[in-house]
Amino acid sequence: MKRRPSMPAHEKTRARLEARVLGLKGRGRAMTGKEIAADLGVSLRQVGRAVRALRMKGIPIVSSSAEPRGYWVPRTAGEVRALCAGIQRRIRALSRVRSRCLRSEWLSRAAGQRPLRRKA
């Protein structure tokens, strides 16, 4: 009987992290990154990486600084729509900041350069 090769430790940790985050279904089960890290005995950085990996797979994971604080997975279509609306608001806000930075003469004067111009 052949033994299957065991999964490397970092992959086991990632799998445990992903399973833990995916278990946070619904706003009421939100957990902060610190709580997840302490619960699994991993670093906060590893939690962030696992959340980022899940998001890159298309899994909607909410991170909220309002109550309840922490990460959670939407259970309803309404929660997913609210997540998408929040992302869209952040994109618009960042776009405004980017535009203002590109038009700012402060940065160019501080660096002794000409102002940056937006490409059409």
PDB file of N, CA and C in Angstrom:
ATOM      1  N   MET A   1       0.834  -1.169   0.000  1.00  0.00           N
ATOM      2  CA  MET A   1       0.000   0.000   0.000  1.00  0.00           C
ATOM      3  C   MET A   1       0.890   1.247   0.000  1.00  0.00           C
ATOM      4  N   LYS A   2       0.658   2.129  -0.959  1.00  0.00           N
ATOM      5  CA  LYS A   2       1.461   3.338  -1.064  1.00  0.00           C
ATOM      6  C   LYS A   2       0.908   4.420  -0.153  1.00  0.00           C
ATOM      7  N   ARG A   3       1.814   5.136   0.468  1.00  0.00           N
ATOM      8  CA  ARG A   3       1.406   6.290   1.287  1.00  0.00           C
ATOM      9  C   ARG A   3       1.324   7.507   0.398  1.00  0.00           C
ATOM     10  N   ARG A   4       0.269   8.262   0.584  1.00  0.00           N
ATOM     11  CA  ARG A   4       0.158   9.512  -0.150  1.00  0.00           C
ATOM     12  C   ARG A   4       1.080  10.526   0.496  1.00  0.00           C
ATOM     13  N   PRO A   5       1.765  11.328  -0.318  1.00  0.00           N
ATOM     14  CA  PRO A   5       2.644  12.342   0.273  1.00  0.00           C
ATOM     15  C   PRO A   5       1.810  13.316   1.114  1.00  0.00           C
ATOM     16  N   SER A   6       2.346  13.675   2.261  1.00  0.00           N
ATOM     17  CA  SER A   6       1.596  14.579   3.123  1.00  0.00           C
ATOM     18  C   SER A   6       1.706  16.009   2.602  1.00  0.00           C
ATOM     19  N   MET A   7       0.704  16.796   2.938  1.00  0.00           N
ATOM     20  CA  MET A   7       0.654  18.195   2.514  1.00  0.00           C
ATOM     21  C   MET A   7       1.677  18.981   3.320  1.00  0.00           C
ATOM     22  N   PRO A   8       2.435  19.883   2.669  1.00  0.00           N
ATOM     23  CA  PRO A   8       3.393  20.713   3.411  1.00  0.00           C
ATOM     24  C   PRO A   8       2.675  21.529   4.494  1.00  0.00           C
ATOM     25  N   ALA A   9       3.402  21.843   5.545  1.00  0.00           N
ATOM     26  CA  ALA A   9       2.823  22.541   6.702  1.00  0.00           C
ATOM     27  C   ALA A   9       2.180  23.867   6.312  1.00  0.00           C
ATOM     28  N   HIS A  10       2.834  24.639   5.419  1.00  0.00           N
ATOM     29  CA  HIS A  10       2.257  25.933   5.062  1.00  0.00           C
ATOM     30  C   HIS A  10       0.939  25.774   4.307  1.00  0.00           C
ATOM     31  N   GLU A  11       0.800  24.682   3.530  1.00  0.00           N
ATOM     32  CA  GLU A  11      -0.461  24.445   2.831  1.00  0.00           C
ATOM     33  C   GLU A  11      -1.551  24.020   3.805  1.00  0.00           C
ATOM     34  N   LYS A  12      -1.179  23.255   4.823  1.00  0.00           N
ATOM     35  CA  LYS A  12      -2.156  22.868   5.851  1.00  0.00           C
ATOM     36  C   LYS A  12      -2.643  24.104   6.599  1.00  0.00           C
ATOM     37  N   THR A  13      -1.702  24.991   6.920  1.00  0.00           N
ATOM     38  CA  THR A  13      -2.066  26.222   7.623  1.00  0.00           C
ATOM     39  C   THR A  13      -2.995  27.055   6.765  1.00  0.00           C
ATOM     40  N   ARG A  14      -2.665  27.206   5.482  1.00  0.00           N
ATOM     41  CA  ARG A  14      -3.517  27.989   4.579  1.00  0.00           C
ATOM     42  C   ARG A  14      -4.910  27.369   4.489  1.00  0.00           C
ATOM     43  N   ALA A  15      -4.979  26.045   4.391  1.00  0.00           N
ATOM     44  CA  ALA A  15      -6.270  25.360   4.305  1.00  0.00           C
ATOM     45  C   ALA A  15      -7.082  25.583   5.578  1.00  0.00           C
ATOM     46  N   ARG A  16      -6.441  25.513   6.744  1.00  0.00           N
ATOM     47  CA  ARG A  16      -7.140  25.763   8.014  1.00  0.00           C
ATOM     48  C   ARG A  16      -7.657  27.197   8.081  1.00  0.00           C
ATOM     49  N   LEU A  17      -6.812  28.140   7.647  1.00  0.00           N
ATOM     50  CA  LEU A  17      -7.210  29.546   7.643  1.00  0.00           C
ATOM     51  C   LEU A  17      -8.400  29.774   6.724  1.00  0.00           C
ATOM     52  N   GLU A  18      -8.311  29.236   5.519  1.00  0.00           N
ATOM     53  CA  GLU A  18      -9.399  29.423   4.558  1.00  0.00           C
ATOM     54  C   GLU A  18     -10.693  28.806   5.069  1.00  0.00           C
ATOM     55  N   ALA A  19     -10.597  27.622   5.658  1.00  0.00           N
ATOM     56  CA  ALA A  19     -11.793  26.976   6.200  1.00  0.00           C
ATOM     57  C   ALA A  19     -12.392  27.814   7.329  1.00  0.00           C
ATOM     58  N   ARG A  20     -11.531  28.386   8.163  1.00  0.00           N
ATOM     59  CA  ARG A  20     -12.008  29.209   9.286  1.00  0.00           C
ATOM     60  C   ARG A  20     -12.719  30.457   8.789  1.00  0.00           C
ATOM     61  N   VAL A  21     -12.121  31.134   7.810  1.00  0.00           N
ATOM     62  CA  VAL A  21     -12.727  32.354   7.271  1.00  0.00           C
ATOM     63  C   VAL A  21     -14.036  32.027   6.567  1.00  0.00           C
ATOM     64  N   LEU A  22     -14.060  30.946   5.799  1.00  0.00           N
ATOM     65  CA  LEU A  22     -15.283  30.576   5.084  1.00  0.00           C
ATOM     66  C   LEU A  22     -16.404  30.183   6.032  1.00  0.00           C
ATOM     67  N   GLY A  23     -16.062  29.816   7.254  1.00  0.00           N
ATOM     68  CA  GLY A  23     -17.071  29.472   8.246  1.00  0.00           C
ATOM     69  C   GLY A  23     -17.737  30.686   8.890  1.00  0.00           C
ATOM     70  N   LEU A  24     -17.258  31.875   8.565  1.00  0.00           N
ATOM     71  CA  LEU A  24     -17.801  33.104   9.162  1.00  0.00           C
ATOM     72  C   LEU A  24     -18.970  33.616   8.329  1.00  0.00           C
ATOM     73  N   LYS A  25     -19.982  32.792   8.145  1.00  0.00           N
ATOM     74  CA  LYS A  25     -21.111  33.151   7.293  1.00  0.00           C
ATOM     75  C   LYS A  25     -22.089  34.038   8.044  1.00  0.00           C
ATOM     76  N   GLY A  26     -22.305  35.206   7.507  1.00  0.00           N
ATOM     77  CA  GLY A  26     -23.245  36.155   8.094  1.00  0.00           C
ATOM     78  C   GLY A  26     -22.550  37.171   8.981  1.00  0.00           C
ATOM     79  N   ARG A  27     -23.127  38.341   8.986  1.00  0.00           N
ATOM     80  CA  ARG A  27     -22.563  39.481   9.710  1.00  0.00           C
ATOM     81  C   ARG A  27     -22.358  39.204  11.198  1.00  0.00           C
ATOM     82  N   GLY A  28     -23.241  38.428  11.783  1.00  0.00           N
ATOM     83  CA  GLY A  28     -23.174  38.135  13.209  1.00  0.00           C
ATOM     84  C   GLY A  28     -21.996  37.266  13.615  1.00  0.00           C
ATOM     85  N   ARG A  29     -21.335  36.643  12.660  1.00  0.00           N
ATOM     86  CA  ARG A  29     -20.195  35.776  12.972  1.00  0.00           C
ATOM     87  C   ARG A  29     -18.851  36.428  12.668  1.00  0.00           C
ATOM     88  N   ALA A  30     -18.839  37.710  12.465  1.00  0.00           N
ATOM     89  CA  ALA A  30     -17.601  38.413  12.113  1.00  0.00           C
ATOM     90  C   ALA A  30     -16.534  38.187  13.179  1.00  0.00           C
ATOM     91  N   MET A  31     -15.288  38.041  12.708  1.00  0.00           N
ATOM     92  CA  MET A  31     -14.137  37.907  13.607  1.00  0.00           C
ATOM     93  C   MET A  31     -13.023  38.796  13.084  1.00  0.00           C
ATOM     94  N   THR A  32     -12.324  39.429  13.996  1.00  0.00           N
ATOM     95  CA  THR A  32     -11.194  40.265  13.577  1.00  0.00           C
ATOM     96  C   THR A  32     -10.034  39.367  13.165  1.00  0.00           C
ATOM     97  N   GLY A  33      -9.115  39.943  12.426  1.00  0.00           N
ATOM     98  CA  GLY A  33      -7.925  39.204  12.032  1.00  0.00           C
ATOM     99  C   GLY A  33      -7.154  38.714  13.242  1.00  0.00           C
ATOM    100  N   LYS A  34      -7.078  39.558  14.275  1.00  0.00           N
ATOM    101  CA  LYS A  34      -6.367  39.158  15.497  1.00  0.00           C
ATOM    102  C   LYS A  34      -7.039  37.965  16.158  1.00  0.00           C
ATOM    103  N   GLU A  35      -8.370  37.951  16.173  1.00  0.00           N
ATOM    104  CA  GLU A  35      -9.098  36.828  16.778  1.00  0.00           C
ATOM    105  C   GLU A  35      -8.858  35.534  16.001  1.00  0.00           C
ATOM    106  N   ILE A  36      -8.898  35.630  14.664  1.00  0.00           N
ATOM    107  CA  ILE A  36      -8.658  34.445  13.831  1.00  0.00           C
ATOM    108  C   ILE A  36      -7.233  33.943  14.045  1.00  0.00           C
ATOM    109  N   ALA A  37      -6.268  34.866  14.068  1.00  0.00           N
ATOM    110  CA  ALA A  37      -4.866  34.488  14.262  1.00  0.00           C
ATOM    111  C   ALA A  37      -4.670  33.785  15.606  1.00  0.00           C
ATOM    112  N   ALA A  38      -5.248  34.355  16.658  1.00  0.00           N
ATOM    113  CA  ALA A  38      -5.117  33.755  17.991  1.00  0.00           C
ATOM    114  C   ALA A  38      -5.804  32.392  18.046  1.00  0.00           C
ATOM    115  N   ASP A  39      -6.964  32.282  17.409  1.00  0.00           N
ATOM    116  CA  ASP A  39      -7.736  31.041  17.406  1.00  0.00           C
ATOM    117  C   ASP A  39      -6.966  29.905  16.740  1.00  0.00           C
ATOM    118  N   LEU A  40      -6.223  30.221  15.671  1.00  0.00           N
ATOM    119  CA  LEU A  40      -5.505  29.192  14.924  1.00  0.00           C
ATOM    120  C   LEU A  40      -4.012  29.142  15.222  1.00  0.00           C
ATOM    121  N   GLY A  41      -3.523  30.081  16.036  1.00  0.00           N
ATOM    122  CA  GLY A  41      -2.097  30.099  16.361  1.00  0.00           C
ATOM    123  C   GLY A  41      -1.221  30.469  15.182  1.00  0.00           C
ATOM    124  N   VAL A  42      -1.699  31.431  14.370  1.00  0.00           N
ATOM    125  CA  VAL A  42      -0.935  31.900  13.216  1.00  0.00           C
ATOM    126  C   VAL A  42      -0.740  33.406  13.338  1.00  0.00           C
ATOM    127  N   SER A  43       0.012  33.979  12.402  1.00  0.00           N
ATOM    128  CA  SER A  43       0.244  35.421  12.443  1.00  0.00           C
ATOM    129  C   SER A  43      -0.890  36.172  11.750  1.00  0.00           C
ATOM    130  N   LEU A  44      -1.013  37.439  12.107  1.00  0.00           N
ATOM    131  CA  LEU A  44      -1.998  38.307  11.473  1.00  0.00           C
ATOM    132  C   LEU A  44      -1.708  38.421   9.979  1.00  0.00           C
ATOM    133  N   ARG A  45      -0.445  38.400   9.628  1.00  0.00           N
ATOM    134  CA  ARG A  45      -0.052  38.470   8.220  1.00  0.00           C
ATOM    135  C   ARG A  45      -0.571  37.262   7.441  1.00  0.00           C
ATOM    136  N   GLN A  46      -0.505  36.086   8.047  1.00  0.00           N
ATOM    137  CA  GLN A  46      -1.005  34.881   7.387  1.00  0.00           C
ATOM    138  C   GLN A  46      -2.514  34.962   7.183  1.00  0.00           C
ATOM    139  N   VAL A  47      -3.218  35.541   8.141  1.00  0.00           N
ATOM    140  CA  VAL A  47      -4.665  35.720   7.999  1.00  0.00           C
ATOM    141  C   VAL A  47      -4.952  36.624   6.803  1.00  0.00           C
ATOM    142  N   GLY A  48      -4.233  37.735   6.728  1.00  0.00           N
ATOM    143  CA  GLY A  48      -4.426  38.663   5.615  1.00  0.00           C
ATOM    144  C   GLY A  48      -4.153  38.018   4.267  1.00  0.00           C
ATOM    145  N   ARG A  49      -3.114  37.216   4.199  1.00  0.00           N
ATOM    146  CA  ARG A  49      -2.777  36.529   2.947  1.00  0.00           C
ATOM    147  C   ARG A  49      -3.869  35.533   2.556  1.00  0.00           C
ATOM    148  N   ALA A  50      -4.398  34.814   3.545  1.00  0.00           N
ATOM    149  CA  ALA A  50      -5.457  33.836   3.259  1.00  0.00           C
ATOM    150  C   ALA A  50      -6.714  34.548   2.762  1.00  0.00           C
ATOM    151  N   VAL A  51      -7.059  35.663   3.395  1.00  0.00           N
ATOM    152  CA  VAL A  51      -8.234  36.430   2.969  1.00  0.00           C
ATOM    153  C   VAL A  51      -8.027  36.938   1.546  1.00  0.00           C
ATOM    154  N   ARG A  52      -6.847  37.458   1.269  1.00  0.00           N
ATOM    155  CA  ARG A  52      -6.544  37.962  -0.078  1.00  0.00           C
ATOM    156  C   ARG A  52      -6.645  36.832  -1.106  1.00  0.00           C
ATOM    157  N   ALA A  53      -6.134  35.645  -0.773  1.00  0.00           N
ATOM    158  CA  ALA A  53      -6.191  34.504  -1.696  1.00  0.00           C
ATOM    159  C   ALA A  53      -7.640  34.105  -1.973  1.00  0.00           C
ATOM    160  N   LEU A  54      -8.467  34.088  -0.942  1.00  0.00           N
ATOM    161  CA  LEU A  54      -9.876  33.743  -1.133  1.00  0.00           C
ATOM    162  C   LEU A  54     -10.581  34.787  -1.997  1.00  0.00           C
ATOM    163  N   ARG A  55     -10.276  36.056  -1.767  1.00  0.00           N
ATOM    164  CA  ARG A  55     -10.883  37.112  -2.586  1.00  0.00           C
ATOM    165  C   ARG A  55     -10.464  36.977  -4.040  1.00  0.00           C
ATOM    166  N   MET A  56      -9.215  36.593  -4.283  1.00  0.00           N
ATOM    167  CA  MET A  56      -8.733  36.421  -5.654  1.00  0.00           C
ATOM    168  C   MET A  56      -9.420  35.237  -6.331  1.00  0.00           C
ATOM    169  N   LYS A  57      -9.944  34.302  -5.547  1.00  0.00           N
ATOM    170  CA  LYS A  57     -10.716  33.186  -6.094  1.00  0.00           C
ATOM    171  C   LYS A  57     -12.161  33.593  -6.364  1.00  0.00           C
ATOM    172  N   GLY A  58     -12.503  34.836  -6.014  1.00  0.00           N
ATOM    173  CA  GLY A  58     -13.856  35.329  -6.265  1.00  0.00           C
ATOM    174  C   GLY A  58     -14.811  35.173  -5.098  1.00  0.00           C
ATOM    175  N   ILE A  59     -14.303  34.806  -3.945  1.00  0.00           N
ATOM    176  CA  ILE A  59     -15.160  34.642  -2.767  1.00  0.00           C
ATOM    177  C   ILE A  59     -15.333  36.006  -2.103  1.00  0.00           C
ATOM    178  N   PRO A  60     -16.575  36.465  -1.954  1.00  0.00           N
ATOM    179  CA  PRO A  60     -16.793  37.788  -1.355  1.00  0.00           C
ATOM    180  C   PRO A  60     -16.592  37.751   0.152  1.00  0.00           C
ATOM    181  N   ILE A  61     -15.526  38.363   0.620  1.00  0.00           N
ATOM    182  CA  ILE A  61     -15.252  38.432   2.053  1.00  0.00           C
ATOM    183  C   ILE A  61     -15.294  39.896   2.451  1.00  0.00           C
ATOM    184  N   VAL A  62     -16.145  40.181   3.421  1.00  0.00           N
ATOM    185  CA  VAL A  62     -16.308  41.547   3.902  1.00  0.00           C
ATOM    186  C   VAL A  62     -15.304  41.781   5.017  1.00  0.00           C
ATOM    187  N   SER A  63     -14.704  42.961   5.019  1.00  0.00           N
ATOM    188  CA  SER A  63     -13.894  43.371   6.165  1.00  0.00           C
ATOM    189  C   SER A  63     -14.509  44.682   6.638  1.00  0.00           C
ATOM    190  N   SER A  64     -14.933  44.688   7.869  1.00  0.00           N
ATOM    191  CA  SER A  64     -15.665  45.836   8.389  1.00  0.00           C
ATOM    192  C   SER A  64     -14.976  46.422   9.608  1.00  0.00           C
ATOM    193  N   SER A  65     -14.881  47.750   9.619  1.00  0.00           N
ATOM    194  CA  SER A  65     -14.337  48.427  10.796  1.00  0.00           C
ATOM    195  C   SER A  65     -15.468  48.927  11.689  1.00  0.00           C
ATOM    196  N   ALA A  66     -16.696  48.827  11.197  1.00  0.00           N
ATOM    197  CA  ALA A  66     -17.869  49.176  12.002  1.00  0.00           C
ATOM    198  C   ALA A  66     -18.368  47.893  12.678  1.00  0.00           C
ATOM    199  N   GLU A  67     -19.205  48.052  13.670  1.00  0.00           N
ATOM    200  CA  GLU A  67     -19.734  46.870  14.369  1.00  0.00           C
ATOM    201  C   GLU A  67     -20.648  46.085  13.445  1.00  0.00           C
ATOM    202  N   PRO A  68     -20.541  44.792  13.382  1.00  0.00           N
ATOM    203  CA  PRO A  68     -19.522  43.978  14.020  1.00  0.00           C
ATOM    204  C   PRO A  68     -18.204  44.086  13.256  1.00  0.00           C
ATOM    205  N   ARG A  69     -17.127  44.272  13.969  1.00  0.00           N
ATOM    206  CA  ARG A  69     -15.810  44.416  13.344  1.00  0.00           C
ATOM    207  C   ARG A  69     -15.290  43.066  12.891  1.00  0.00           C
ATOM    208  N   GLY A  70     -14.506  43.106  11.819  1.00  0.00           N
ATOM    209  CA  GLY A  70     -13.831  41.892  11.395  1.00  0.00           C
ATOM    210  C   GLY A  70     -14.222  41.418  10.016  1.00  0.00           C
ATOM    211  N   TYR A  71     -13.819  40.183   9.737  1.00  0.00           N
ATOM    212  CA  TYR A  71     -14.097  39.540   8.460  1.00  0.00           C
ATOM    213  C   TYR A  71     -15.347  38.690   8.587  1.00  0.00           C
ATOM    214  N   TRP A  72     -16.110  38.630   7.505  1.00  0.00           N
ATOM    215  CA  TRP A  72     -17.252  37.735   7.434  1.00  0.00           C
ATOM    216  C   TRP A  72     -17.639  37.510   5.980  1.00  0.00           C
ATOM    217  N   VAL A  73     -18.355  36.417   5.739  1.00  0.00           N
ATOM    218  CA  VAL A  73     -18.777  36.046   4.392  1.00  0.00           C
ATOM    219  C   VAL A  73     -20.276  36.322   4.276  1.00  0.00           C
ATOM    220  N   PRO A  74     -20.685  37.076   3.251  1.00  0.00           N
ATOM    221  CA  PRO A  74     -22.110  37.369   3.085  1.00  0.00           C
ATOM    222  C   PRO A  74     -22.932  36.095   2.894  1.00  0.00           C
ATOM    223  N   ARG A  75     -24.128  36.076   3.489  1.00  0.00           N
ATOM    224  CA  ARG A  75     -25.030  34.921   3.345  1.00  0.00           C
ATOM    225  C   ARG A  75     -26.124  35.180   2.337  1.00  0.00           C
ATOM    226  N   THR A  76     -26.494  36.432   2.158  1.00  0.00           N
ATOM    227  CA  THR A  76     -27.627  36.754   1.292  1.00  0.00           C
ATOM    228  C   THR A  76     -27.174  37.583   0.095  1.00  0.00           C
ATOM    229  N   ALA A  77     -28.018  37.630  -0.916  1.00  0.00           N
ATOM    230  CA  ALA A  77     -27.728  38.448  -2.101  1.00  0.00           C
ATOM    231  C   ALA A  77     -27.645  39.926  -1.713  1.00  0.00           C
ATOM    232  N   GLY A  78     -28.470  40.337  -0.765  1.00  0.00           N
ATOM    233  CA  GLY A  78     -28.437  41.726  -0.304  1.00  0.00           C
ATOM    234  C   GLY A  78     -27.099  42.083   0.333  1.00  0.00           C
ATOM    235  N   GLU A  79     -26.533  41.152   1.095  1.00  0.00           N
ATOM    236  CA  GLU A  79     -25.224  41.402   1.706  1.00  0.00           C
ATOM    237  C   GLU A  79     -24.132  41.481   0.645  1.00  0.00           C
ATOM    238  N   VAL A  80     -24.242  40.657  -0.406  1.00  0.00           N
ATOM    239  CA  VAL A  80     -23.261  40.711  -1.488  1.00  0.00           C
ATOM    240  C   VAL A  80     -23.388  42.042  -2.227  1.00  0.00           C
ATOM    241  N   ARG A  81     -24.619  42.480  -2.491  1.00  0.00           N
ATOM    242  CA  ARG A  81     -24.821  43.773  -3.157  1.00  0.00           C
ATOM    243  C   ARG A  81     -24.266  44.915  -2.321  1.00  0.00           C
ATOM    244  N   ALA A  82     -24.466  44.864  -1.012  1.00  0.00           N
ATOM    245  CA  ALA A  82     -23.926  45.904  -0.125  1.00  0.00           C
ATOM    246  C   ALA A  82     -22.397  45.907  -0.172  1.00  0.00           C
ATOM    247  N   LEU A  83     -21.791  44.735  -0.210  1.00  0.00           N
ATOM    248  CA  LEU A  83     -20.330  44.632  -0.325  1.00  0.00           C
ATOM    249  C   LEU A  83     -19.862  45.291  -1.619  1.00  0.00           C
ATOM    250  N   CYS A  84     -20.517  44.956  -2.727  1.00  0.00           N
ATOM    251  CA  CYS A  84     -20.133  45.510  -4.032  1.00  0.00           C
ATOM    252  C   CYS A  84     -20.323  47.024  -4.064  1.00  0.00           C
ATOM    253  N   ALA A  85     -21.381  47.526  -3.453  1.00  0.00           N
ATOM    254  CA  ALA A  85     -21.615  48.973  -3.405  1.00  0.00           C
ATOM    255  C   ALA A  85     -20.515  49.655  -2.594  1.00  0.00           C
ATOM    256  N   GLY A  86     -20.108  49.045  -1.500  1.00  0.00           N
ATOM    257  CA  GLY A  86     -19.032  49.600  -0.681  1.00  0.00           C
ATOM    258  C   GLY A  86     -17.713  49.636  -1.431  1.00  0.00           C
ATOM    259  N   ILE A  87     -17.435  48.587  -2.186  1.00  0.00           N
ATOM    260  CA  ILE A  87     -16.211  48.553  -2.989  1.00  0.00           C
ATOM    261  C   ILE A  87     -16.257  49.655  -4.034  1.00  0.00           C
ATOM    262  N   GLN A  88     -17.417  49.827  -4.680  1.00  0.00           N
ATOM    263  CA  GLN A  88     -17.555  50.862  -5.698  1.00  0.00           C
ATOM    264  C   GLN A  88     -17.341  52.255  -5.106  1.00  0.00           C
ATOM    265  N   ARG A  89     -17.851  52.503  -3.901  1.00  0.00           N
ATOM    266  CA  ARG A  89     -17.639  53.804  -3.241  1.00  0.00           C
ATOM    267  C   ARG A  89     -16.157  54.043  -2.976  1.00  0.00           C
ATOM    268  N   ARG A  90     -15.456  53.001  -2.521  1.00  0.00           N
ATOM    269  CA  ARG A  90     -14.019  53.144  -2.270  1.00  0.00           C
ATOM    270  C   ARG A  90     -13.243  53.411  -3.554  1.00  0.00           C
ATOM    271  N   ILE A  91     -13.649  52.748  -4.638  1.00  0.00           N
ATOM    272  CA  ILE A  91     -12.984  52.974  -5.923  1.00  0.00           C
ATOM    273  C   ILE A  91     -13.159  54.421  -6.360  1.00  0.00           C
ATOM    274  N   ARG A  92     -14.374  54.947  -6.247  1.00  0.00           N
ATOM    275  CA  ARG A  92     -14.617  56.348  -6.626  1.00  0.00           C
ATOM    276  C   ARG A  92     -13.806  57.296  -5.771  1.00  0.00           C
ATOM    277  N   ALA A  93     -13.756  57.042  -4.466  1.00  0.00           N
ATOM    278  CA  ALA A  93     -12.994  57.912  -3.563  1.00  0.00           C
ATOM    279  C   ALA A  93     -11.504  57.876  -3.903  1.00  0.00           C
ATOM    280  N   LEU A  94     -10.970  56.697  -4.152  1.00  0.00           N
ATOM    281  CA  LEU A  94      -9.554  56.586  -4.513  1.00  0.00           C
ATOM    282  C   LEU A  94      -9.269  57.243  -5.856  1.00  0.00           C
ATOM    283  N   SER A  95     -10.201  57.150  -6.767  1.00  0.00           N
ATOM    284  CA  SER A  95     -10.033  57.789  -8.067  1.00  0.00           C
ATOM    285  C   SER A  95      -9.957  59.308  -7.920  1.00  0.00           C
ATOM    286  N   ARG A  96     -10.800  59.863  -7.039  1.00  0.00           N
ATOM    287  CA  ARG A  96     -10.758  61.312  -6.792  1.00  0.00           C
ATOM    288  C   ARG A  96      -9.414  61.710  -6.181  1.00  0.00           C
ATOM    289  N   VAL A  97      -8.935  60.942  -5.240  1.00  0.00           N
ATOM    290  CA  VAL A  97      -7.644  61.237  -4.612  1.00  0.00           C
ATOM    291  C   VAL A  97      -6.539  61.166  -5.652  1.00  0.00           C
ATOM    292  N   ARG A  98      -6.558  60.145  -6.491  1.00  0.00           N
ATOM    293  CA  ARG A  98      -5.548  59.995  -7.544  1.00  0.00           C
ATOM    294  C   ARG A  98      -5.565  61.204  -8.474  1.00  0.00           C
ATOM    295  N   SER A  99      -6.745  61.616  -8.898  1.00  0.00           N
ATOM    296  CA  SER A  99      -6.857  62.774  -9.797  1.00  0.00           C
ATOM    297  C   SER A  99      -6.286  64.025  -9.155  1.00  0.00           C
ATOM    298  N   ARG A 100      -6.598  64.225  -7.894  1.00  0.00           N
ATOM    299  CA  ARG A 100      -6.091  65.407  -7.197  1.00  0.00           C
ATOM    300  C   ARG A 100      -4.580  65.355  -7.040  1.00  0.00           C
ATOM    301  N   CYS A 101      -4.054  64.169  -6.791  1.00  0.00           N
ATOM    302  CA  CYS A 101      -2.597  64.031  -6.678  1.00  0.00           C
ATOM    303  C   CYS A 101      -1.920  64.355  -7.998  1.00  0.00           C
ATOM    304  N   LEU A 102      -2.499  63.887  -9.088  1.00  0.00           N
ATOM    305  CA  LEU A 102      -1.911  64.148 -10.397  1.00  0.00           C
ATOM    306  C   LEU A 102      -1.963  65.626 -10.760  1.00  0.00           C
ATOM    307  N   ARG A 103      -2.978  66.344 -10.274  1.00  0.00           N
ATOM    308  CA  ARG A 103      -3.103  67.775 -10.560  1.00  0.00           C
ATOM    309  C   ARG A 103      -2.340  68.635  -9.569  1.00  0.00           C
ATOM    310  N   SER A 104      -1.897  68.040  -8.491  1.00  0.00           N
ATOM    311  CA  SER A 104      -1.251  68.795  -7.426  1.00  0.00           C
ATOM    312  C   SER A 104       0.097  69.337  -7.850  1.00  0.00           C
ATOM    313  N   GLU A 105       0.316  70.597  -7.585  1.00  0.00           N
ATOM    314  CA  GLU A 105       1.619  71.189  -7.865  1.00  0.00           C
ATOM    315  C   GLU A 105       2.525  71.088  -6.640  1.00  0.00           C
ATOM    316  N   TRP A 106       1.952  70.797  -5.493  1.00  0.00           N
ATOM    317  CA  TRP A 106       2.746  70.687  -4.276  1.00  0.00           C
ATOM    318  C   TRP A 106       3.832  69.638  -4.423  1.00  0.00           C
ATOM    319  N   LEU A 107       3.445  68.465  -4.906  1.00  0.00           N
ATOM    320  CA  LEU A 107       4.400  67.376  -5.044  1.00  0.00           C
ATOM    321  C   LEU A 107       5.522  67.756  -6.003  1.00  0.00           C
ATOM    322  N   SER A 108       5.163  68.344  -7.119  1.00  0.00           N
ATOM    323  CA  SER A 108       6.191  68.691  -8.103  1.00  0.00           C
ATOM    324  C   SER A 108       7.119  69.781  -7.576  1.00  0.00           C
ATOM    325  N   ARG A 109       6.565  70.758  -6.843  1.00  0.00           N
ATOM    326  CA  ARG A 109       7.418  71.800  -6.267  1.00  0.00           C
ATOM    327  C   ARG A 109       8.343  71.222  -5.221  1.00  0.00           C
ATOM    328  N   ALA A 110       7.828  70.298  -4.406  1.00  0.00           N
ATOM    329  CA  ALA A 110       8.640  69.686  -3.357  1.00  0.00           C
ATOM    330  C   ALA A 110       9.783  68.875  -3.960  1.00  0.00           C
ATOM    331  N   ALA A 111       9.517  68.270  -5.096  1.00  0.00           N
ATOM    332  CA  ALA A 111      10.545  67.445  -5.739  1.00  0.00           C
ATOM    333  C   ALA A 111      11.367  68.238  -6.743  1.00  0.00           C
ATOM    334  N   GLY A 112      11.005  69.513  -6.950  1.00  0.00           N
ATOM    335  CA  GLY A 112      11.725  70.332  -7.910  1.00  0.00           C
ATOM    336  C   GLY A 112      11.489  69.911  -9.345  1.00  0.00           C
ATOM    337  N   GLN A 113      10.296  69.365  -9.604  1.00  0.00           N
ATOM    338  CA  GLN A 113       9.969  68.888 -10.947  1.00  0.00           C
ATOM    339  C   GLN A 113       8.751  69.613 -11.494  1.00  0.00           C
ATOM    340  N   ARG A 114       8.503  69.376 -12.773  1.00  0.00           N
ATOM    341  CA  ARG A 114       7.304  69.918 -13.395  1.00  0.00           C
ATOM    342  C   ARG A 114       6.093  69.119 -12.904  1.00  0.00           C
ATOM    343  N   PRO A 115       4.908  69.725 -12.893  1.00  0.00           N
ATOM    344  CA  PRO A 115       3.702  68.978 -12.488  1.00  0.00           C
ATOM    345  C   PRO A 115       3.457  67.784 -13.415  1.00  0.00           C
ATOM    346  N   LEU A 116       2.900  66.724 -12.841  1.00  0.00           N
ATOM    347  CA  LEU A 116       2.537  65.555 -13.636  1.00  0.00           C
ATOM    348  C   LEU A 116       1.308  65.880 -14.451  1.00  0.00           C
ATOM    349  N   ARG A 117       1.231  65.373 -15.631  1.00  0.00           N
ATOM    350  CA  ARG A 117       0.065  65.572 -16.498  1.00  0.00           C
ATOM    351  C   ARG A 117      -0.607  64.238 -16.749  1.00  0.00           C
ATOM    352  N   ARG A 118      -1.931  64.271 -16.713  1.00  0.00           N
ATOM    353  CA  ARG A 118      -2.693  63.051 -16.998  1.00  0.00           C
ATOM    354  C   ARG A 118      -2.674  62.778 -18.479  1.00  0.00           C
ATOM    355  N   LYS A 119      -2.566  61.519 -18.828  1.00  0.00           N
ATOM    356  CA  LYS A 119      -2.634  61.115 -20.228  1.00  0.00           C
ATOM    357  C   LYS A 119      -4.101  61.054 -20.625  1.00  0.00           C
ATOM    358  N   ALA A 120      -4.385  61.483 -21.816  1.00  0.00           N
ATOM    359  CA  ALA A 120      -5.768  61.488 -22.297  1.00  0.00           C
ATOM    360  C   ALA A 120      -6.230  60.111 -22.679  1.00  0.00           C
TER     361      ALA A 120
END
